[in-house]
Amino acid sequence: MKEKRCPVCGSTDYESENVEYIYRHSGRYLLVRDVPAEVCRACGTRFYAAQVLHEIERCFFAIQDEKAMEYVRMPVTIYGALCPG
């Protein structure tokens, strides 16, 4: 089995962490805390499972009910609490 290498620095040293992730779409933002990621210990590059990113995107659209010309506030949530069920 081939060892996974960071495409930025070439390191094979990864660590699983829960991180903050900012999702952005059409000028709107969602800060999501406790998102599972693999983080390169050498350079800090983060890697997310496709399923995690799809879930964040799906829930972003589910919670957008305000319409404004400009947003100052940012909704904040925890990944595990995004869409219970």
C-alpha atoms as a PDB file:
ATOM      1  CA  MET A   1       0.000   0.000   0.000  1.00  0.00           C
ATOM      2  CA  LYS A   2       1.350   3.388  -1.013  1.00  0.00           C
ATOM      3  CA  GLU A   3       1.927   5.871   1.796  1.00  0.00           C
ATOM      4  CA  LYS A   4      -0.150   9.066   1.686  1.00  0.00           C
ATOM      5  CA  ARG A   5       1.968  12.151   1.017  1.00  0.00           C
ATOM      6  CA  CYS A   6       1.090  15.789   1.492  1.00  0.00           C
ATOM      7  CA  PRO A   7       0.872  17.403  -1.951  1.00  0.00           C
ATOM      8  CA  VAL A   8       2.233  20.673  -0.538  1.00  0.00           C
ATOM      9  CA  CYS A   9       5.368  19.580   1.333  1.00  0.00           C
ATOM     10  CA  GLY A  10       5.665  15.820   0.693  1.00  0.00           C
ATOM     11  CA  SER A  11       5.431  14.824   4.357  1.00  0.00           C
ATOM     12  CA  THR A  12       3.758  11.572   5.380  1.00  0.00           C
ATOM     13  CA  ASP A  13       3.174  12.732   8.968  1.00  0.00           C
ATOM     14  CA  TYR A  14      -0.563  13.369   9.477  1.00  0.00           C
ATOM     15  CA  GLU A  15      -2.691  13.817  12.556  1.00  0.00           C
ATOM     16  CA  SER A  16      -6.470  13.609  12.931  1.00  0.00           C
ATOM     17  CA  GLU A  17      -7.836  16.808  14.437  1.00  0.00           C
ATOM     18  CA  ASN A  18     -11.103  18.665  14.811  1.00  0.00           C
ATOM     19  CA  VAL A  19     -10.676  22.103  13.254  1.00  0.00           C
ATOM     20  CA  GLU A  20     -12.698  25.177  12.329  1.00  0.00           C
ATOM     21  CA  TYR A  21     -13.866  25.403   8.726  1.00  0.00           C
ATOM     22  CA  ILE A  22     -15.316  28.448   6.996  1.00  0.00           C
ATOM     23  CA  TYR A  23     -17.771  27.687   4.219  1.00  0.00           C
ATOM     24  CA  ARG A  24     -18.398  30.510   1.742  1.00  0.00           C
ATOM     25  CA  HIS A  25     -20.993  30.814  -0.981  1.00  0.00           C
ATOM     26  CA  SER A  26     -22.173  33.972  -2.775  1.00  0.00           C
ATOM     27  CA  GLY A  27     -20.892  36.314  -0.090  1.00  0.00           C
ATOM     28  CA  ARG A  28     -22.375  34.333   2.802  1.00  0.00           C
ATOM     29  CA  TYR A  29     -20.292  32.519   5.364  1.00  0.00           C
ATOM     30  CA  LEU A  30     -20.714  29.729   7.864  1.00  0.00           C
ATOM     31  CA  LEU A  31     -18.101  29.015  10.503  1.00  0.00           C
ATOM     32  CA  VAL A  32     -18.241  25.342  11.503  1.00  0.00           C
ATOM     33  CA  ARG A  33     -16.351  24.196  14.573  1.00  0.00           C
ATOM     34  CA  ASP A  34     -15.100  20.695  15.386  1.00  0.00           C
ATOM     35  CA  VAL A  35     -14.847  19.524  11.772  1.00  0.00           C
ATOM     36  CA  PRO A  36     -12.853  16.287  11.430  1.00  0.00           C
ATOM     37  CA  ALA A  37      -9.752  16.701   9.275  1.00  0.00           C
ATOM     38  CA  GLU A  38      -6.378  15.165   8.593  1.00  0.00           C
ATOM     39  CA  VAL A  39      -3.704  17.806   9.200  1.00  0.00           C
ATOM     40  CA  CYS A  40      -0.162  17.597   7.852  1.00  0.00           C
ATOM     41  CA  ARG A  41       2.124  17.987  10.862  1.00  0.00           C
ATOM     42  CA  ALA A  42       4.900  19.464   8.747  1.00  0.00           C
ATOM     43  CA  CYS A  43       3.060  22.296   6.959  1.00  0.00           C
ATOM     44  CA  GLY A  44      -0.466  22.398   8.425  1.00  0.00           C
ATOM     45  CA  THR A  45      -2.322  21.620   5.196  1.00  0.00           C
ATOM     46  CA  ARG A  46      -5.777  20.273   5.978  1.00  0.00           C
ATOM     47  CA  PHE A  47      -7.564  17.438   4.215  1.00  0.00           C
ATOM     48  CA  TYR A  48     -11.303  16.846   4.585  1.00  0.00           C
ATOM     49  CA  ALA A  49     -13.368  13.817   3.619  1.00  0.00           C
ATOM     50  CA  ALA A  50     -15.708  14.571   0.713  1.00  0.00           C
ATOM     51  CA  GLN A  51     -18.685  13.443   2.803  1.00  0.00           C
ATOM     52  CA  VAL A  52     -17.829  16.029   5.490  1.00  0.00           C
ATOM     53  CA  LEU A  53     -17.676  18.860   2.934  1.00  0.00           C
ATOM     54  CA  HIS A  54     -20.934  17.779   1.284  1.00  0.00           C
ATOM     55  CA  GLU A  55     -22.694  17.735   4.669  1.00  0.00           C
ATOM     56  CA  ILE A  56     -21.436  21.225   5.507  1.00  0.00           C
ATOM     57  CA  GLU A  57     -22.649  22.501   2.129  1.00  0.00           C
ATOM     58  CA  ARG A  58     -26.062  20.862   2.499  1.00  0.00           C
ATOM     59  CA  CYS A  59     -26.580  22.305   5.951  1.00  0.00           C
ATOM     60  CA  PHE A  60     -25.372  25.757   4.886  1.00  0.00           C
ATOM     61  CA  PHE A  61     -28.287  26.026   2.483  1.00  0.00           C
ATOM     62  CA  ALA A  62     -30.713  24.595   5.034  1.00  0.00           C
ATOM     63  CA  ILE A  63     -30.003  27.372   7.569  1.00  0.00           C
ATOM     64  CA  GLN A  64     -29.922  30.355   5.210  1.00  0.00           C
ATOM     65  CA  ASP A  65     -33.204  32.155   5.772  1.00  0.00           C
ATOM     66  CA  GLU A  66     -32.089  35.773   6.054  1.00  0.00           C
ATOM     67  CA  LYS A  67     -31.702  37.956   2.978  1.00  0.00           C
ATOM     68  CA  ALA A  68     -29.608  41.097   3.190  1.00  0.00           C
ATOM     69  CA  MET A  69     -27.346  43.146   0.994  1.00  0.00           C
ATOM     70  CA  GLU A  70     -24.457  42.641   3.397  1.00  0.00           C
ATOM     71  CA  TYR A  71     -23.804  40.229   6.249  1.00  0.00           C
ATOM     72  CA  VAL A  72     -21.880  41.158   9.342  1.00  0.00           C
ATOM     73  CA  ARG A  73     -22.858  38.272  11.583  1.00  0.00           C
ATOM     74  CA  MET A  74     -21.612  34.755  10.957  1.00  0.00           C
ATOM     75  CA  PRO A  75     -23.515  31.678  12.080  1.00  0.00           C
ATOM     76  CA  VAL A  76     -21.358  29.320  14.107  1.00  0.00           C
ATOM     77  CA  THR A  77     -22.078  25.655  14.692  1.00  0.00           C
ATOM     78  CA  ILE A  78     -20.383  22.393  15.616  1.00  0.00           C
ATOM     79  CA  TYR A  79     -20.044  19.741  12.913  1.00  0.00           C
ATOM     80  CA  GLY A  80     -21.689  16.982  14.962  1.00  0.00           C
ATOM     81  CA  ALA A  81     -24.698  19.210  15.694  1.00  0.00           C
ATOM     82  CA  LEU A  82     -25.279  20.489  12.139  1.00  0.00           C
ATOM     83  CA  CYS A  83     -28.248  18.363  11.157  1.00  0.00           C
ATOM     84  CA  PRO A  84     -29.039  15.821  13.846  1.00  0.00           C
ATOM     85  CA  GLY A  85     -30.957  12.803  12.773  1.00  0.00           C
END
